[in-house]
Amino acid sequence: MQKLGKREEQIMQVVWQLQHAFIKDIIELLPAPQPHYNSVATMVKILTDKGFLSAEKIGNTYRYSPVVTLAEYRQQDVATIKQKYFGNSLTKMITHFAKEENLSDQELDELIQVIKSQKSS
């Protein structure tokens, strides 16, 4: 699976949120300054060609739906970060974020509970 560019990822975030979207729907939910219709249409065509979106013709326009789920993309993206920056070590990655993010006591407790639940599985 390919890595998305910044604008491609913004468009995909909108489509993942809506599940089915026309170009005008996507533009409305993109951060300001909102791009021109033709720019978004071009990016959506690229995302369709890359296999991230499917297009369904409805009347004289197209409705777009995600082919790749947010969970699938997130999993691939996290795996890349883990491999690239943490030597493929989940422990190193979690340790880094736990230290850098200044987790609250509640967040640390939640993290410990998740780890413990995995241990007993």
PDB file of N, CA and C in Angstrom:
ATOM      1  N   MET A   1       0.851  -1.175   0.000  1.00  0.00           N
ATOM      2  CA  MET A   1       0.000   0.000   0.000  1.00  0.00           C
ATOM      3  C   MET A   1       0.895   1.236   0.000  1.00  0.00           C
ATOM      4  N   GLN A   2       0.525   2.194  -0.825  1.00  0.00           N
ATOM      5  CA  GLN A   2       1.318   3.406  -0.943  1.00  0.00           C
ATOM      6  C   GLN A   2       1.047   4.371   0.211  1.00  0.00           C
ATOM      7  N   LYS A   3       2.035   5.195   0.495  1.00  0.00           N
ATOM      8  CA  LYS A   3       1.889   6.264   1.482  1.00  0.00           C
ATOM      9  C   LYS A   3       1.163   7.421   0.812  1.00  0.00           C
ATOM     10  N   LEU A   4       0.223   8.017   1.529  1.00  0.00           N
ATOM     11  CA  LEU A   4      -0.537   9.135   0.998  1.00  0.00           C
ATOM     12  C   LEU A   4       0.179  10.450   1.259  1.00  0.00           C
ATOM     13  N   GLY A   5       0.047  11.378   0.314  1.00  0.00           N
ATOM     14  CA  GLY A   5       0.530  12.734   0.511  1.00  0.00           C
ATOM     15  C   GLY A   5      -0.412  13.470   1.460  1.00  0.00           C
ATOM     16  N   LYS A   6      -0.004  14.669   1.874  1.00  0.00           N
ATOM     17  CA  LYS A   6      -0.785  15.433   2.864  1.00  0.00           C
ATOM     18  C   LYS A   6      -2.217  15.681   2.394  1.00  0.00           C
ATOM     19  N   ARG A   7      -2.401  16.215   1.195  1.00  0.00           N
ATOM     20  CA  ARG A   7      -3.754  16.512   0.702  1.00  0.00           C
ATOM     21  C   ARG A   7      -4.534  15.218   0.439  1.00  0.00           C
ATOM     22  N   GLU A   8      -3.857  14.193  -0.070  1.00  0.00           N
ATOM     23  CA  GLU A   8      -4.527  12.906  -0.280  1.00  0.00           C
ATOM     24  C   GLU A   8      -5.060  12.362   1.044  1.00  0.00           C
ATOM     25  N   GLU A   9      -4.242  12.461   2.086  1.00  0.00           N
ATOM     26  CA  GLU A   9      -4.668  11.966   3.394  1.00  0.00           C
ATOM     27  C   GLU A   9      -5.835  12.786   3.943  1.00  0.00           C
ATOM     28  N   GLN A  10      -5.817  14.103   3.728  1.00  0.00           N
ATOM     29  CA  GLN A  10      -6.945  14.932   4.167  1.00  0.00           C
ATOM     30  C   GLN A  10      -8.233  14.504   3.462  1.00  0.00           C
ATOM     31  N   ILE A  11      -8.142  14.237   2.177  1.00  0.00           N
ATOM     32  CA  ILE A  11      -9.318  13.797   1.418  1.00  0.00           C
ATOM     33  C   ILE A  11      -9.792  12.445   1.926  1.00  0.00           C
ATOM     34  N   MET A  12      -8.860  11.539   2.160  1.00  0.00           N
ATOM     35  CA  MET A  12      -9.242  10.215   2.655  1.00  0.00           C
ATOM     36  C   MET A  12      -9.875  10.308   4.043  1.00  0.00           C
ATOM     37  N   GLN A  13      -9.376  11.195   4.896  1.00  0.00           N
ATOM     38  CA  GLN A  13      -9.972  11.368   6.226  1.00  0.00           C
ATOM     39  C   GLN A  13     -11.447  11.749   6.095  1.00  0.00           C
ATOM     40  N   VAL A  14     -11.753  12.632   5.146  1.00  0.00           N
ATOM     41  CA  VAL A  14     -13.145  13.042   4.923  1.00  0.00           C
ATOM     42  C   VAL A  14     -13.970  11.859   4.428  1.00  0.00           C
ATOM     43  N   VAL A  15     -13.451  11.125   3.449  1.00  0.00           N
ATOM     44  CA  VAL A  15     -14.202  10.002   2.896  1.00  0.00           C
ATOM     45  C   VAL A  15     -14.362   8.893   3.935  1.00  0.00           C
ATOM     46  N   TRP A  16     -13.340   8.645   4.742  1.00  0.00           N
ATOM     47  CA  TRP A  16     -13.481   7.654   5.818  1.00  0.00           C
ATOM     48  C   TRP A  16     -14.580   8.087   6.795  1.00  0.00           C
ATOM     49  N   GLN A  17     -14.650   9.367   7.061  1.00  0.00           N
ATOM     50  CA  GLN A  17     -15.669   9.882   7.979  1.00  0.00           C
ATOM     51  C   GLN A  17     -17.070   9.736   7.378  1.00  0.00           C
ATOM     52  N   LEU A  18     -17.232  10.085   6.111  1.00  0.00           N
ATOM     53  CA  LEU A  18     -18.550  10.082   5.481  1.00  0.00           C
ATOM     54  C   LEU A  18     -18.959   8.712   4.925  1.00  0.00           C
ATOM     55  N   GLN A  19     -17.981   7.893   4.573  1.00  0.00           N
ATOM     56  CA  GLN A  19     -18.161   6.587   3.944  1.00  0.00           C
ATOM     57  C   GLN A  19     -18.567   6.666   2.468  1.00  0.00           C
ATOM     58  N   HIS A  20     -19.389   7.609   2.089  1.00  0.00           N
ATOM     59  CA  HIS A  20     -19.768   7.856   0.692  1.00  0.00           C
ATOM     60  C   HIS A  20     -19.767   9.364   0.508  1.00  0.00           C
ATOM     61  N   ALA A  21     -19.088   9.857  -0.520  1.00  0.00           N
ATOM     62  CA  ALA A  21     -18.973  11.311  -0.656  1.00  0.00           C
ATOM     63  C   ALA A  21     -18.877  11.726  -2.122  1.00  0.00           C
ATOM     64  N   PHE A  22     -19.511  12.843  -2.402  1.00  0.00           N
ATOM     65  CA  PHE A  22     -19.347  13.519  -3.673  1.00  0.00           C
ATOM     66  C   PHE A  22     -18.229  14.550  -3.493  1.00  0.00           C
ATOM     67  N   ILE A  23     -17.683  15.039  -4.596  1.00  0.00           N
ATOM     68  CA  ILE A  23     -16.592  16.016  -4.525  1.00  0.00           C
ATOM     69  C   ILE A  23     -16.989  17.208  -3.651  1.00  0.00           C
ATOM     70  N   LYS A  24     -18.213  17.724  -3.830  1.00  0.00           N
ATOM     71  CA  LYS A  24     -18.647  18.896  -3.064  1.00  0.00           C
ATOM     72  C   LYS A  24     -18.668  18.604  -1.561  1.00  0.00           C
ATOM     73  N   ASP A  25     -19.023  17.358  -1.175  1.00  0.00           N
ATOM     74  CA  ASP A  25     -19.019  16.981   0.244  1.00  0.00           C
ATOM     75  C   ASP A  25     -17.604  17.004   0.803  1.00  0.00           C
ATOM     76  N   ILE A  26     -16.672  16.519   0.005  1.00  0.00           N
ATOM     77  CA  ILE A  26     -15.272  16.481   0.426  1.00  0.00           C
ATOM     78  C   ILE A  26     -14.746  17.898   0.638  1.00  0.00           C
ATOM     79  N   ILE A  27     -15.021  18.777  -0.340  1.00  0.00           N
ATOM     80  CA  ILE A  27     -14.529  20.160  -0.263  1.00  0.00           C
ATOM     81  C   ILE A  27     -15.048  20.842   1.006  1.00  0.00           C
ATOM     82  N   GLU A  28     -16.322  20.628   1.326  1.00  0.00           N
ATOM     83  CA  GLU A  28     -16.925  21.270   2.495  1.00  0.00           C
ATOM     84  C   GLU A  28     -16.225  20.916   3.797  1.00  0.00           C
ATOM     85  N   LEU A  29     -15.677  19.707   3.878  1.00  0.00           N
ATOM     86  CA  LEU A  29     -15.065  19.258   5.125  1.00  0.00           C
ATOM     87  C   LEU A  29     -13.542  19.380   5.157  1.00  0.00           C
ATOM     88  N   LEU A  30     -12.943  19.842   4.082  1.00  0.00           N
ATOM     89  CA  LEU A  30     -11.492  20.042   4.083  1.00  0.00           C
ATOM     90  C   LEU A  30     -11.147  21.317   4.845  1.00  0.00           C
ATOM     91  N   PRO A  31      -9.965  21.345   5.474  1.00  0.00           N
ATOM     92  CA  PRO A  31      -9.569  22.546   6.220  1.00  0.00           C
ATOM     93  C   PRO A  31      -9.364  23.739   5.291  1.00  0.00           C
ATOM     94  N   ALA A  32      -9.573  24.930   5.826  1.00  0.00           N
ATOM     95  CA  ALA A  32      -9.376  26.161   5.066  1.00  0.00           C
ATOM     96  C   ALA A  32      -7.884  26.380   4.832  1.00  0.00           C
ATOM     97  N   PRO A  33      -7.475  26.981   3.768  1.00  0.00           N
ATOM     98  CA  PRO A  33      -8.320  27.423   2.664  1.00  0.00           C
ATOM     99  C   PRO A  33      -8.734  26.227   1.809  1.00  0.00           C
ATOM    100  N   GLN A  34     -10.013  26.180   1.484  1.00  0.00           N
ATOM    101  CA  GLN A  34     -10.523  25.047   0.723  1.00  0.00           C
ATOM    102  C   GLN A  34     -10.043  25.124  -0.726  1.00  0.00           C
ATOM    103  N   PRO A  35      -9.584  23.989  -1.237  1.00  0.00           N
ATOM    104  CA  PRO A  35      -9.068  23.970  -2.609  1.00  0.00           C
ATOM    105  C   PRO A  35     -10.199  24.091  -3.635  1.00  0.00           C
ATOM    106  N   HIS A  36      -9.832  24.392  -4.843  1.00  0.00           N
ATOM    107  CA  HIS A  36     -10.763  24.510  -5.950  1.00  0.00           C
ATOM    108  C   HIS A  36     -11.339  23.125  -6.292  1.00  0.00           C
ATOM    109  N   TYR A  37     -12.540  23.108  -6.795  1.00  0.00           N
ATOM    110  CA  TYR A  37     -13.238  21.868  -7.162  1.00  0.00           C
ATOM    111  C   TYR A  37     -12.357  20.986  -8.050  1.00  0.00           C
ATOM    112  N   ASN A  38     -11.756  21.584  -9.089  1.00  0.00           N
ATOM    113  CA  ASN A  38     -10.951  20.789 -10.028  1.00  0.00           C
ATOM    114  C   ASN A  38      -9.732  20.166  -9.351  1.00  0.00           C
ATOM    115  N   SER A  39      -9.150  20.862  -8.392  1.00  0.00           N
ATOM    116  CA  SER A  39      -7.999  20.311  -7.666  1.00  0.00           C
ATOM    117  C   SER A  39      -8.404  19.074  -6.872  1.00  0.00           C
ATOM    118  N   VAL A  40      -9.541  19.159  -6.187  1.00  0.00           N
ATOM    119  CA  VAL A  40     -10.020  18.015  -5.405  1.00  0.00           C
ATOM    120  C   VAL A  40     -10.404  16.875  -6.339  1.00  0.00           C
ATOM    121  N   ALA A  41     -11.061  17.191  -7.439  1.00  0.00           N
ATOM    122  CA  ALA A  41     -11.456  16.160  -8.409  1.00  0.00           C
ATOM    123  C   ALA A  41     -10.225  15.422  -8.941  1.00  0.00           C
ATOM    124  N   THR A  42      -9.161  16.155  -9.199  1.00  0.00           N
ATOM    125  CA  THR A  42      -7.920  15.536  -9.675  1.00  0.00           C
ATOM    126  C   THR A  42      -7.334  14.614  -8.616  1.00  0.00           C
ATOM    127  N   MET A  43      -7.302  15.078  -7.365  1.00  0.00           N
ATOM    128  CA  MET A  43      -6.770  14.251  -6.272  1.00  0.00           C
ATOM    129  C   MET A  43      -7.623  13.004  -6.061  1.00  0.00           C
ATOM    130  N   VAL A  44      -8.933  13.148  -6.156  1.00  0.00           N
ATOM    131  CA  VAL A  44      -9.833  12.007  -5.985  1.00  0.00           C
ATOM    132  C   VAL A  44      -9.604  10.994  -7.112  1.00  0.00           C
ATOM    133  N   LYS A  45      -9.377  11.482  -8.325  1.00  0.00           N
ATOM    134  CA  LYS A  45      -9.077  10.589  -9.456  1.00  0.00           C
ATOM    135  C   LYS A  45      -7.780   9.830  -9.185  1.00  0.00           C
ATOM    136  N   ILE A  46      -6.779  10.517  -8.668  1.00  0.00           N
ATOM    137  CA  ILE A  46      -5.500   9.862  -8.332  1.00  0.00           C
ATOM    138  C   ILE A  46      -5.727   8.800  -7.261  1.00  0.00           C
ATOM    139  N   LEU A  47      -6.515   9.134  -6.224  1.00  0.00           N
ATOM    140  CA  LEU A  47      -6.799   8.165  -5.152  1.00  0.00           C
ATOM    141  C   LEU A  47      -7.572   6.959  -5.690  1.00  0.00           C
ATOM    142  N   THR A  48      -8.424   7.191  -6.659  1.00  0.00           N
ATOM    143  CA  THR A  48      -9.155   6.093  -7.297  1.00  0.00           C
ATOM    144  C   THR A  48      -8.189   5.220  -8.084  1.00  0.00           C
ATOM    145  N   ASP A  49      -7.297   5.857  -8.848  1.00  0.00           N
ATOM    146  CA  ASP A  49      -6.296   5.115  -9.624  1.00  0.00           C
ATOM    147  C   ASP A  49      -5.348   4.321  -8.730  1.00  0.00           C
ATOM    148  N   LYS A  50      -5.033   4.860  -7.542  1.00  0.00           N
ATOM    149  CA  LYS A  50      -4.150   4.167  -6.599  1.00  0.00           C
ATOM    150  C   LYS A  50      -4.862   3.033  -5.865  1.00  0.00           C
ATOM    151  N   GLY A  51      -6.194   2.959  -5.992  1.00  0.00           N
ATOM    152  CA  GLY A  51      -6.942   1.887  -5.341  1.00  0.00           C
ATOM    153  C   GLY A  51      -7.447   2.218  -3.958  1.00  0.00           C
ATOM    154  N   PHE A  52      -7.381   3.489  -3.557  1.00  0.00           N
ATOM    155  CA  PHE A  52      -7.881   3.889  -2.245  1.00  0.00           C
ATOM    156  C   PHE A  52      -9.379   4.169  -2.258  1.00  0.00           C
ATOM    157  N   LEU A  53      -9.902   4.606  -3.410  1.00  0.00           N
ATOM    158  CA  LEU A  53     -11.312   4.942  -3.525  1.00  0.00           C
ATOM    159  C   LEU A  53     -11.947   4.179  -4.679  1.00  0.00           C
ATOM    160  N   SER A  54     -13.250   3.947  -4.565  1.00  0.00           N
ATOM    161  CA  SER A  54     -14.037   3.431  -5.689  1.00  0.00           C
ATOM    162  C   SER A  54     -15.005   4.528  -6.097  1.00  0.00           C
ATOM    163  N   ALA A  55     -15.409   4.505  -7.361  1.00  0.00           N
ATOM    164  CA  ALA A  55     -16.317   5.519  -7.886  1.00  0.00           C
ATOM    165  C   ALA A  55     -17.582   4.849  -8.398  1.00  0.00           C
ATOM    166  N   GLU A  56     -18.714   5.396  -8.010  1.00  0.00           N
ATOM    167  CA  GLU A  56     -20.011   4.898  -8.461  1.00  0.00           C
ATOM    168  C   GLU A  56     -20.713   6.038  -9.186  1.00  0.00           C
ATOM    169  N   LYS A  57     -21.068   5.798 -10.459  1.00  0.00           N
ATOM    170  CA  LYS A  57     -21.731   6.846 -11.236  1.00  0.00           C
ATOM    171  C   LYS A  57     -23.185   6.946 -10.795  1.00  0.00           C
ATOM    172  N   ILE A  58     -23.573   8.141 -10.390  1.00  0.00           N
ATOM    173  CA  ILE A  58     -24.953   8.429  -9.996  1.00  0.00           C
ATOM    174  C   ILE A  58     -25.388   9.654 -10.794  1.00  0.00           C
ATOM    175  N   GLY A  59     -26.277   9.434 -11.757  1.00  0.00           N
ATOM    176  CA  GLY A  59     -26.683  10.530 -12.633  1.00  0.00           C
ATOM    177  C   GLY A  59     -25.501  10.985 -13.452  1.00  0.00           C
ATOM    178  N   ASN A  60     -25.197  12.280 -13.386  1.00  0.00           N
ATOM    179  CA  ASN A  60     -24.066  12.805 -14.159  1.00  0.00           C
ATOM    180  C   ASN A  60     -22.847  13.097 -13.282  1.00  0.00           C
ATOM    181  N   THR A  61     -22.809  12.494 -12.099  1.00  0.00           N
ATOM    182  CA  THR A  61     -21.679  12.711 -11.190  1.00  0.00           C
ATOM    183  C   THR A  61     -21.255  11.375 -10.578  1.00  0.00           C
ATOM    184  N   TYR A  62     -20.212  11.413  -9.778  1.00  0.00           N
ATOM    185  CA  TYR A  62     -19.707  10.202  -9.133  1.00  0.00           C
ATOM    186  C   TYR A  62     -19.755  10.351  -7.615  1.00  0.00           C
ATOM    187  N   ARG A  63     -20.040   9.233  -6.971  1.00  0.00           N
ATOM    188  CA  ARG A  63     -19.977   9.156  -5.511  1.00  0.00           C
ATOM    189  C   ARG A  63     -18.806   8.233  -5.184  1.00  0.00           C
ATOM    190  N   TYR A  64     -17.979   8.673  -4.258  1.00  0.00           N
ATOM    191  CA  TYR A  64     -16.753   7.949  -3.929  1.00  0.00           C
ATOM    192  C   TYR A  64     -16.865   7.278  -2.561  1.00  0.00           C
ATOM    193  N   SER A  65     -16.288   6.087  -2.478  1.00  0.00           N
ATOM    194  CA  SER A  65     -16.287   5.310  -1.238  1.00  0.00           C
ATOM    195  C   SER A  65     -14.885   4.757  -1.011  1.00  0.00           C
ATOM    196  N   PRO A  66     -14.502   4.574   0.253  1.00  0.00           N
ATOM    197  CA  PRO A  66     -13.164   4.037   0.524  1.00  0.00           C
ATOM    198  C   PRO A  66     -13.073   2.552   0.179  1.00  0.00           C
ATOM    199  N   VAL A  67     -11.978   2.185  -0.431  1.00  0.00           N
ATOM    200  CA  VAL A  67     -11.658   0.780  -0.677  1.00  0.00           C
ATOM    201  C   VAL A  67     -10.752   0.298   0.452  1.00  0.00           C
ATOM    202  N   VAL A  68      -9.825   1.155   0.841  1.00  0.00           N
ATOM    203  CA  VAL A  68      -8.910   0.893   1.962  1.00  0.00           C
ATOM    204  C   VAL A  68      -9.540   1.519   3.200  1.00  0.00           C
ATOM    205  N   THR A  69      -9.667   0.747   4.260  1.00  0.00           N
ATOM    206  CA  THR A  69     -10.243   1.286   5.491  1.00  0.00           C
ATOM    207  C   THR A  69      -9.202   2.103   6.250  1.00  0.00           C
ATOM    208  N   LEU A  70      -9.710   2.953   7.137  1.00  0.00           N
ATOM    209  CA  LEU A  70      -8.819   3.735   7.998  1.00  0.00           C
ATOM    210  C   LEU A  70      -7.951   2.798   8.836  1.00  0.00           C
ATOM    211  N   ALA A  71      -8.539   1.727   9.357  1.00  0.00           N
ATOM    212  CA  ALA A  71      -7.791   0.777  10.188  1.00  0.00           C
ATOM    213  C   ALA A  71      -6.652   0.130   9.392  1.00  0.00           C
ATOM    214  N   GLU A  72      -6.918  -0.232   8.135  1.00  0.00           N
ATOM    215  CA  GLU A  72      -5.874  -0.839   7.298  1.00  0.00           C
ATOM    216  C   GLU A  72      -4.742   0.150   7.034  1.00  0.00           C
ATOM    217  N   TYR A  73      -5.097   1.387   6.711  1.00  0.00           N
ATOM    218  CA  TYR A  73      -4.076   2.391   6.430  1.00  0.00           C
ATOM    219  C   TYR A  73      -3.282   2.722   7.689  1.00  0.00           C
ATOM    220  N   ARG A  74      -3.988   2.871   8.813  1.00  0.00           N
ATOM    221  CA  ARG A  74      -3.325   3.182  10.086  1.00  0.00           C
ATOM    222  C   ARG A  74      -2.342   2.077  10.454  1.00  0.00           C
ATOM    223  N   GLN A  75      -2.765   0.823  10.292  1.00  0.00           N
ATOM    224  CA  GLN A  75      -1.896  -0.304  10.639  1.00  0.00           C
ATOM    225  C   GLN A  75      -0.621  -0.282   9.804  1.00  0.00           C
ATOM    226  N   GLN A  76      -0.753  -0.009   8.521  1.00  0.00           N
ATOM    227  CA  GLN A  76       0.410   0.056   7.640  1.00  0.00           C
ATOM    228  C   GLN A  76       1.299   1.233   8.005  1.00  0.00           C
ATOM    229  N   ASP A  77       0.687   2.369   8.302  1.00  0.00           N
ATOM    230  CA  ASP A  77       1.439   3.571   8.641  1.00  0.00           C
ATOM    231  C   ASP A  77       2.210   3.388   9.954  1.00  0.00           C
ATOM    232  N   VAL A  78       1.559   2.825  10.951  1.00  0.00           N
ATOM    233  CA  VAL A  78       2.216   2.582  12.247  1.00  0.00           C
ATOM    234  C   VAL A  78       3.348   1.562  12.090  1.00  0.00           C
ATOM    235  N   ALA A  79       3.108   0.529  11.286  1.00  0.00           N
ATOM    236  CA  ALA A  79       4.154  -0.476  11.064  1.00  0.00           C
ATOM    237  C   ALA A  79       5.383   0.156  10.411  1.00  0.00           C
ATOM    238  N   THR A  80       5.154   1.079   9.483  1.00  0.00           N
ATOM    239  CA  THR A  80       6.264   1.775   8.820  1.00  0.00           C
ATOM    240  C   THR A  80       7.034   2.627   9.816  1.00  0.00           C
ATOM    241  N   ILE A  81       6.322   3.367  10.653  1.00  0.00           N
ATOM    242  CA  ILE A  81       6.976   4.207  11.668  1.00  0.00           C
ATOM    243  C   ILE A  81       7.759   3.341  12.644  1.00  0.00           C
ATOM    244  N   LYS A  82       7.163   2.255  13.091  1.00  0.00           N
ATOM    245  CA  LYS A  82       7.832   1.351  14.032  1.00  0.00           C
ATOM    246  C   LYS A  82       9.122   0.809  13.428  1.00  0.00           C
ATOM    247  N   GLN A  83       9.073   0.395  12.183  1.00  0.00           N
ATOM    248  CA  GLN A  83      10.245  -0.172  11.526  1.00  0.00           C
ATOM    249  C   GLN A  83      11.291   0.907  11.253  1.00  0.00           C
ATOM    250  N   LYS A  84      10.850   2.057  10.747  1.00  0.00           N
ATOM    251  CA  LYS A  84      11.771   3.109  10.314  1.00  0.00           C
ATOM    252  C   LYS A  84      12.474   3.810  11.470  1.00  0.00           C
ATOM    253  N   TYR A  85      11.737   4.082  12.554  1.00  0.00           N
ATOM    254  CA  TYR A  85      12.286   4.907  13.630  1.00  0.00           C
ATOM    255  C   TYR A  85      12.623   4.151  14.915  1.00  0.00           C
ATOM    256  N   PHE A  86      12.101   2.930  15.065  1.00  0.00           N
ATOM    257  CA  PHE A  86      12.274   2.220  16.332  1.00  0.00           C
ATOM    258  C   PHE A  86      12.826   0.810  16.148  1.00  0.00           C
ATOM    259  N   GLY A  87      13.500   0.569  15.021  1.00  0.00           N
ATOM    260  CA  GLY A  87      14.119  -0.734  14.800  1.00  0.00           C
ATOM    261  C   GLY A  87      13.127  -1.882  14.884  1.00  0.00           C
ATOM    262  N   ASN A  88      11.889  -1.618  14.498  1.00  0.00           N
ATOM    263  CA  ASN A  88      10.803  -2.603  14.509  1.00  0.00           C
ATOM    264  C   ASN A  88      10.475  -3.094  15.921  1.00  0.00           C
ATOM    265  N   SER A  89      10.795  -2.278  16.920  1.00  0.00           N
ATOM    266  CA  SER A  89      10.533  -2.649  18.312  1.00  0.00           C
ATOM    267  C   SER A  89       9.315  -1.884  18.842  1.00  0.00           C
ATOM    268  N   LEU A  90       8.274  -2.611  19.149  1.00  0.00           N
ATOM    269  CA  LEU A  90       7.084  -1.995  19.726  1.00  0.00           C
ATOM    270  C   LEU A  90       7.393  -1.408  21.100  1.00  0.00           C
ATOM    271  N   THR A  91       8.208  -2.085  21.869  1.00  0.00           N
ATOM    272  CA  THR A  91       8.582  -1.601  23.198  1.00  0.00           C
ATOM    273  C   THR A  91       9.265  -0.242  23.113  1.00  0.00           C
ATOM    274  N   LYS A  92      10.224  -0.096  22.188  1.00  0.00           N
ATOM    275  CA  LYS A  92      10.915   1.181  22.021  1.00  0.00           C
ATOM    276  C   LYS A  92       9.943   2.273  21.586  1.00  0.00           C
ATOM    277  N   MET A  93       9.008   1.915  20.705  1.00  0.00           N
ATOM    278  CA  MET A  93       8.054   2.900  20.215  1.00  0.00           C
ATOM    279  C   MET A  93       7.117   3.362  21.327  1.00  0.00           C
ATOM    280  N   ILE A  94       6.577   2.441  22.085  1.00  0.00           N
ATOM    281  CA  ILE A  94       5.672   2.792  23.179  1.00  0.00           C
ATOM    282  C   ILE A  94       6.416   3.590  24.252  1.00  0.00           C
ATOM    283  N   THR A  95       7.645   3.184  24.563  1.00  0.00           N
ATOM    284  CA  THR A  95       8.455   3.903  25.545  1.00  0.00           C
ATOM    285  C   THR A  95       8.684   5.341  25.093  1.00  0.00           C
ATOM    286  N   HIS A  96       8.999   5.505  23.839  1.00  0.00           N
ATOM    287  CA  HIS A  96       9.215   6.847  23.300  1.00  0.00           C
ATOM    288  C   HIS A  96       7.978   7.715  23.496  1.00  0.00           C
ATOM    289  N   PHE A  97       6.818   7.212  23.082  1.00  0.00           N
ATOM    290  CA  PHE A  97       5.599   8.010  23.184  1.00  0.00           C
ATOM    291  C   PHE A  97       5.174   8.229  24.634  1.00  0.00           C
ATOM    292  N   ALA A  98       5.404   7.250  25.470  1.00  0.00           N
ATOM    293  CA  ALA A  98       5.053   7.411  26.881  1.00  0.00           C
ATOM    294  C   ALA A  98       5.882   8.530  27.514  1.00  0.00           C
ATOM    295  N   LYS A  99       7.152   8.619  27.142  1.00  0.00           N
ATOM    296  CA  LYS A  99       8.025   9.665  27.688  1.00  0.00           C
ATOM    297  C   LYS A  99       7.743  11.025  27.047  1.00  0.00           C
ATOM    298  N   GLU A 100       7.603  11.057  25.734  1.00  0.00           N
ATOM    299  CA  GLU A 100       7.469  12.313  25.000  1.00  0.00           C
ATOM    300  C   GLU A 100       6.106  12.966  25.166  1.00  0.00           C
ATOM    301  N   GLU A 101       5.082  12.198  25.385  1.00  0.00           N
ATOM    302  CA  GLU A 101       3.722  12.747  25.446  1.00  0.00           C
ATOM    303  C   GLU A 101       3.305  13.170  26.848  1.00  0.00           C
ATOM    304  N   ASN A 102       4.158  12.950  27.846  1.00  0.00           N
ATOM    305  CA  ASN A 102       3.820  13.314  29.225  1.00  0.00           C
ATOM    306  C   ASN A 102       2.424  12.814  29.600  1.00  0.00           C
ATOM    307  N   LEU A 103       2.268  11.512  29.535  1.00  0.00           N
ATOM    308  CA  LEU A 103       0.966  10.898  29.793  1.00  0.00           C
ATOM    309  C   LEU A 103       0.493  11.172  31.216  1.00  0.00           C
ATOM    310  N   SER A 104      -0.806  11.361  31.341  1.00  0.00           N
ATOM    311  CA  SER A 104      -1.401  11.551  32.663  1.00  0.00           C
ATOM    312  C   SER A 104      -1.416  10.209  33.389  1.00  0.00           C
ATOM    313  N   ASP A 105      -1.664  10.254  34.690  1.00  0.00           N
ATOM    314  CA  ASP A 105      -1.760   9.008  35.471  1.00  0.00           C
ATOM    315  C   ASP A 105      -2.860   8.115  34.901  1.00  0.00           C
ATOM    316  N   GLN A 106      -3.976   8.710  34.513  1.00  0.00           N
ATOM    317  CA  GLN A 106      -5.082   7.932  33.954  1.00  0.00           C
ATOM    318  C   GLN A 106      -4.666   7.262  32.640  1.00  0.00           C
ATOM    319  N   GLU A 107      -3.963   8.000  31.777  1.00  0.00           N
ATOM    320  CA  GLU A 107      -3.513   7.438  30.508  1.00  0.00           C
ATOM    321  C   GLU A 107      -2.511   6.309  30.741  1.00  0.00           C
ATOM    322  N   LEU A 108      -1.613   6.501  31.711  1.00  0.00           N
ATOM    323  CA  LEU A 108      -0.655   5.438  32.037  1.00  0.00           C
ATOM    324  C   LEU A 108      -1.375   4.196  32.563  1.00  0.00           C
ATOM    325  N   ASP A 109      -2.372   4.401  33.431  1.00  0.00           N
ATOM    326  CA  ASP A 109      -3.150   3.276  33.947  1.00  0.00           C
ATOM    327  C   ASP A 109      -3.859   2.538  32.815  1.00  0.00           C
ATOM    328  N   GLU A 110      -4.421   3.292  31.862  1.00  0.00           N
ATOM    329  CA  GLU A 110      -5.103   2.666  30.726  1.00  0.00           C
ATOM    330  C   GLU A 110      -4.120   1.842  29.894  1.00  0.00           C
ATOM    331  N   LEU A 111      -2.942   2.404  29.675  1.00  0.00           N
ATOM    332  CA  LEU A 111      -1.919   1.704  28.909  1.00  0.00           C
ATOM    333  C   LEU A 111      -1.499   0.421  29.619  1.00  0.00           C
ATOM    334  N   ILE A 112      -1.304   0.496  30.912  1.00  0.00           N
ATOM    335  CA  ILE A 112      -0.938  -0.690  31.703  1.00  0.00           C
ATOM    336  C   ILE A 112      -2.025  -1.745  31.610  1.00  0.00           C
ATOM    337  N   GLN A 113      -3.280  -1.336  31.684  1.00  0.00           N
ATOM    338  CA  GLN A 113      -4.397  -2.281  31.596  1.00  0.00           C
ATOM    339  C   GLN A 113      -4.433  -2.968  30.230  1.00  0.00           C
ATOM    340  N   VAL A 114      -4.176  -2.205  29.167  1.00  0.00           N
ATOM    341  CA  VAL A 114      -4.149  -2.800  27.824  1.00  0.00           C
ATOM    342  C   VAL A 114      -3.028  -3.826  27.733  1.00  0.00           C
ATOM    343  N   ILE A 115      -1.867  -3.484  28.244  1.00  0.00           N
ATOM    344  CA  ILE A 115      -0.730  -4.398  28.213  1.00  0.00           C
ATOM    345  C   ILE A 115      -1.032  -5.653  29.027  1.00  0.00           C
ATOM    346  N   LYS A 116      -1.599  -5.479  30.220  1.00  0.00           N
ATOM    347  CA  LYS A 116      -1.931  -6.633  31.051  1.00  0.00           C
ATOM    348  C   LYS A 116      -2.979  -7.519  30.400  1.00  0.00           C
ATOM    349  N   SER A 117      -3.951  -6.929  29.720  1.00  0.00           N
ATOM    350  CA  SER A 117      -4.994  -7.733  29.071  1.00  0.00           C
ATOM    351  C   SER A 117      -4.399  -8.537  27.908  1.00  0.00           C
ATOM    352  N   GLN A 118      -3.378  -8.009  27.251  1.00  0.00           N
ATOM    353  CA  GLN A 118      -2.716  -8.746  26.175  1.00  0.00           C
ATOM    354  C   GLN A 118      -1.893  -9.901  26.726  1.00  0.00           C
ATOM    355  N   LYS A 119      -1.323  -9.679  27.898  1.00  0.00           N
ATOM    356  CA  LYS A 119      -0.495 -10.699  28.530  1.00  0.00           C
ATOM    357  C   LYS A 119      -1.322 -11.924  28.918  1.00  0.00           C
ATOM    358  N   SER A 120      -2.554 -11.674  29.384  1.00  0.00           N
ATOM    359  CA  SER A 120      -3.392 -12.793  29.827  1.00  0.00           C
ATOM    360  C   SER A 120      -4.111 -13.482  28.681  1.00  0.00           C
ATOM    361  N   SER A 121      -4.062 -12.901  27.479  1.00  0.00           N
ATOM    362  CA  SER A 121      -4.747 -13.493  26.315  1.00  0.00           C
ATOM    363  C   SER A 121      -3.999 -14.678  25.769  1.00  0.00           C
TER     364      SER A 121
END
